[in-house]
Amino acid sequence: MILKADYEAKTVFEVNYDKLKDSGIKVIAFDLDSTVMKSKSGEFSKETLLLFEKLKKDFSLLIISNNHNIEYISKAASQIDFPVIAPAKKPATSISRAFLKEQNIAPKDIVMIGDRPLTDILFGKLLGCKTVLVDSISWQEERPVVRFVRKLERIVNI
């Protein structure tokens, strides 16, 4: 089941990070939009920044985004002190594999956390790492059609 995540959580704030650490995960790769940042906002919430600070005690962090807006990505990257790979062209893995090889990071040491099975989870599976599917960080504010599409994606377990 290539689109079935290894783990699921409501949002990034409910992921069992202790379990990931105990399983040998050393690097957490997050999707950006709708996973750790409200889509198109360009700003991390205080709660997300606090989560990053807490996680950096036990993990290396990384953002892997398909967003190709250079100004937007630069704005996001300026708020954190860890790498952002963008545009990553997920689910393709070549751009991220090159970065990981350069940093001497093995896929077995990574977990990919994202909100989209067809990009984030498939990317993680193709890369050979663990995956966590979360709902949108701002799910309460999403339009009904977006919620419907998200539900459809989760029904498919190939």
Protein backbone atom coordinates (compact mmCIF):
# COMPACT_ATOMS: atom_id res chain seq x y z
CA MET A 1 0.00 0.00 0.00
CA ILE A 2 2.23 2.73 -1.32
CA LEU A 3 -0.06 5.61 -0.32
CA LYS A 4 -0.73 4.28 3.18
CA ALA A 5 1.30 6.16 5.76
CA ASP A 6 3.20 4.28 8.44
CA TYR A 7 1.59 6.51 11.07
CA GLU A 8 -1.26 9.01 11.22
CA ALA A 9 -2.03 11.93 13.53
CA LYS A 10 -4.58 14.72 13.53
CA THR A 11 -1.94 17.46 13.12
CA VAL A 12 1.81 17.86 13.60
CA PHE A 13 1.10 18.72 17.22
CA GLU A 14 -0.32 15.25 17.92
CA VAL A 15 2.43 13.15 16.29
CA ASN A 16 4.07 10.71 18.71
CA TYR A 17 7.63 12.03 18.36
CA ASP A 18 8.88 9.86 21.23
CA LYS A 19 7.84 6.76 19.27
CA LEU A 20 9.67 8.06 16.20
CA LYS A 21 12.81 8.71 18.25
CA ASP A 22 12.60 5.24 19.83
CA SER A 23 12.33 3.70 16.35
CA GLY A 24 15.64 5.27 15.31
CA ILE A 25 14.42 8.35 13.44
CA LYS A 26 17.04 11.12 13.46
CA VAL A 27 15.62 13.57 10.89
CA ILE A 28 12.10 14.93 10.61
CA ALA A 29 11.18 16.23 7.17
CA PHE A 30 8.02 18.30 7.09
CA ASP A 31 5.94 19.41 4.16
CA LEU A 32 5.40 23.18 4.38
CA ASP A 33 1.97 24.39 3.25
CA SER A 34 -0.93 23.06 5.31
CA THR A 35 1.39 20.80 7.32
CA VAL A 36 3.46 23.22 9.44
CA MET A 37 2.25 26.52 7.97
CA LYS A 38 -1.23 27.69 7.13
CA SER A 39 -1.42 27.53 3.34
CA LYS A 40 -0.33 30.71 1.57
CA SER A 41 0.23 32.55 4.87
CA GLY A 42 4.01 32.79 4.73
CA GLU A 43 4.13 32.79 8.53
CA PHE A 44 4.74 30.02 11.02
CA SER A 45 2.50 30.19 14.06
CA LYS A 46 4.09 30.64 17.49
CA GLU A 47 2.89 27.13 18.33
CA THR A 48 4.72 25.69 15.30
CA LEU A 49 7.94 27.57 16.12
CA LEU A 50 7.77 26.24 19.68
CA LEU A 51 7.29 22.72 18.31
CA PHE A 52 10.39 23.13 16.13
CA GLU A 53 12.45 24.31 19.12
CA LYS A 54 11.32 21.31 21.18
CA LEU A 55 12.02 18.84 18.36
CA LYS A 56 15.51 20.21 17.67
CA LYS A 57 16.60 18.76 21.02
CA ASP A 58 16.23 15.23 19.60
CA PHE A 59 16.08 15.54 15.80
CA SER A 60 17.49 17.38 12.83
CA LEU A 61 14.71 19.18 10.98
CA LEU A 62 14.09 19.78 7.31
CA ILE A 63 11.28 21.20 5.19
CA ILE A 64 10.60 19.65 1.79
CA SER A 65 8.10 21.71 -0.19
CA ASN A 66 6.71 21.73 -3.70
CA ASN A 67 6.09 25.47 -3.48
CA HIS A 68 8.00 27.22 -6.27
CA ASN A 69 7.42 30.84 -5.19
CA ILE A 70 10.98 31.95 -4.36
CA GLU A 71 9.88 34.96 -2.28
CA TYR A 72 7.44 32.86 -0.29
CA ILE A 73 10.02 30.13 0.38
CA SER A 74 12.63 32.74 1.35
CA LYS A 75 10.17 34.30 3.78
CA ALA A 76 9.45 30.91 5.35
CA ALA A 77 13.15 29.99 5.49
CA SER A 78 14.03 33.27 7.19
CA GLN A 79 11.91 32.27 10.20
CA ILE A 80 13.76 29.02 10.91
CA ASP A 81 17.34 27.81 11.22
CA PHE A 82 17.18 24.55 9.29
CA PRO A 83 17.16 23.68 5.57
CA VAL A 84 14.25 24.14 3.20
CA ILE A 85 14.28 22.16 -0.05
CA ALA A 86 12.04 23.84 -2.61
CA PRO A 87 10.72 23.29 -5.15
CA ALA A 88 11.14 19.61 -4.39
CA LYS A 89 8.82 18.28 -7.12
CA LYS A 90 7.34 15.61 -4.84
CA PRO A 91 6.57 12.79 -5.30
CA ALA A 92 9.78 12.71 -7.37
CA THR A 93 12.78 12.11 -5.12
CA SER A 94 15.81 13.18 -7.17
CA ILE A 95 16.17 16.71 -5.73
CA SER A 96 15.79 15.54 -2.14
CA ARG A 97 18.03 12.49 -2.67
CA ALA A 98 20.82 14.76 -3.90
CA PHE A 99 20.49 16.93 -0.77
CA LEU A 100 20.38 13.90 1.54
CA LYS A 101 23.43 12.36 -0.13
CA GLU A 102 25.32 15.65 0.21
CA GLN A 103 24.39 15.77 3.92
CA ASN A 104 25.17 12.06 4.44
CA ILE A 105 21.62 11.32 5.62
CA ALA A 106 20.21 7.83 5.04
CA PRO A 107 16.50 7.51 4.18
CA LYS A 108 16.06 4.96 6.99
CA ASP A 109 16.87 7.75 9.46
CA ILE A 110 14.11 10.06 8.17
CA VAL A 111 10.39 10.44 8.66
CA MET A 112 8.36 12.47 6.16
CA ILE A 113 5.40 14.25 7.73
CA GLY A 114 2.83 15.70 5.37
CA ASP A 115 -0.84 16.30 4.68
CA ARG A 116 -1.15 14.83 1.17
CA PRO A 117 -1.01 11.11 0.36
CA LEU A 118 -0.41 11.71 -3.37
CA THR A 119 2.65 13.89 -2.83
CA ASP A 120 4.07 13.69 0.69
CA ILE A 121 3.36 10.07 1.56
CA LEU A 122 4.14 8.74 -1.90
CA PHE A 123 7.37 10.77 -1.86
CA GLY A 124 8.36 9.25 1.50
CA LYS A 125 7.60 5.73 0.32
CA LEU A 126 9.59 6.22 -2.90
CA LEU A 127 12.46 7.70 -0.89
CA GLY A 128 12.44 4.71 1.48
CA CYS A 129 11.66 6.51 4.72
CA LYS A 130 8.92 6.31 7.33
CA THR A 131 5.85 8.47 6.77
CA VAL A 132 3.25 10.26 8.88
CA LEU A 133 0.01 11.56 7.39
CA VAL A 134 -1.50 14.51 9.22
CA ASP A 135 -4.49 16.69 8.51
CA SER A 136 -4.07 20.32 7.53
CA ILE A 137 -2.75 22.54 10.29
CA SER A 138 -5.70 24.85 9.56
CA TRP A 139 -8.30 22.19 8.79
CA GLN A 140 -11.04 24.11 10.62
CA GLU A 141 -10.71 26.99 8.14
CA GLU A 142 -10.65 24.99 4.91
CA ARG A 143 -13.42 25.29 2.34
CA PRO A 144 -15.77 22.29 2.03
CA VAL A 145 -14.46 21.37 -1.43
CA VAL A 146 -10.88 21.18 -0.07
CA ARG A 147 -12.06 18.99 2.83
CA PHE A 148 -13.85 16.75 0.33
CA VAL A 149 -10.73 16.31 -1.81
CA ARG A 150 -8.64 15.51 1.29
CA LYS A 151 -11.15 12.82 2.27
CA LEU A 152 -11.04 11.32 -1.23
CA GLU A 153 -7.25 11.12 -1.12
CA ARG A 154 -7.37 9.27 2.18
CA ILE A 155 -9.88 6.72 0.90
CA VAL A 156 -7.37 5.49 -1.68
CA ASN A 157 -4.90 3.01 -0.17
CA ILE A 158 -2.87 1.67 -3.04
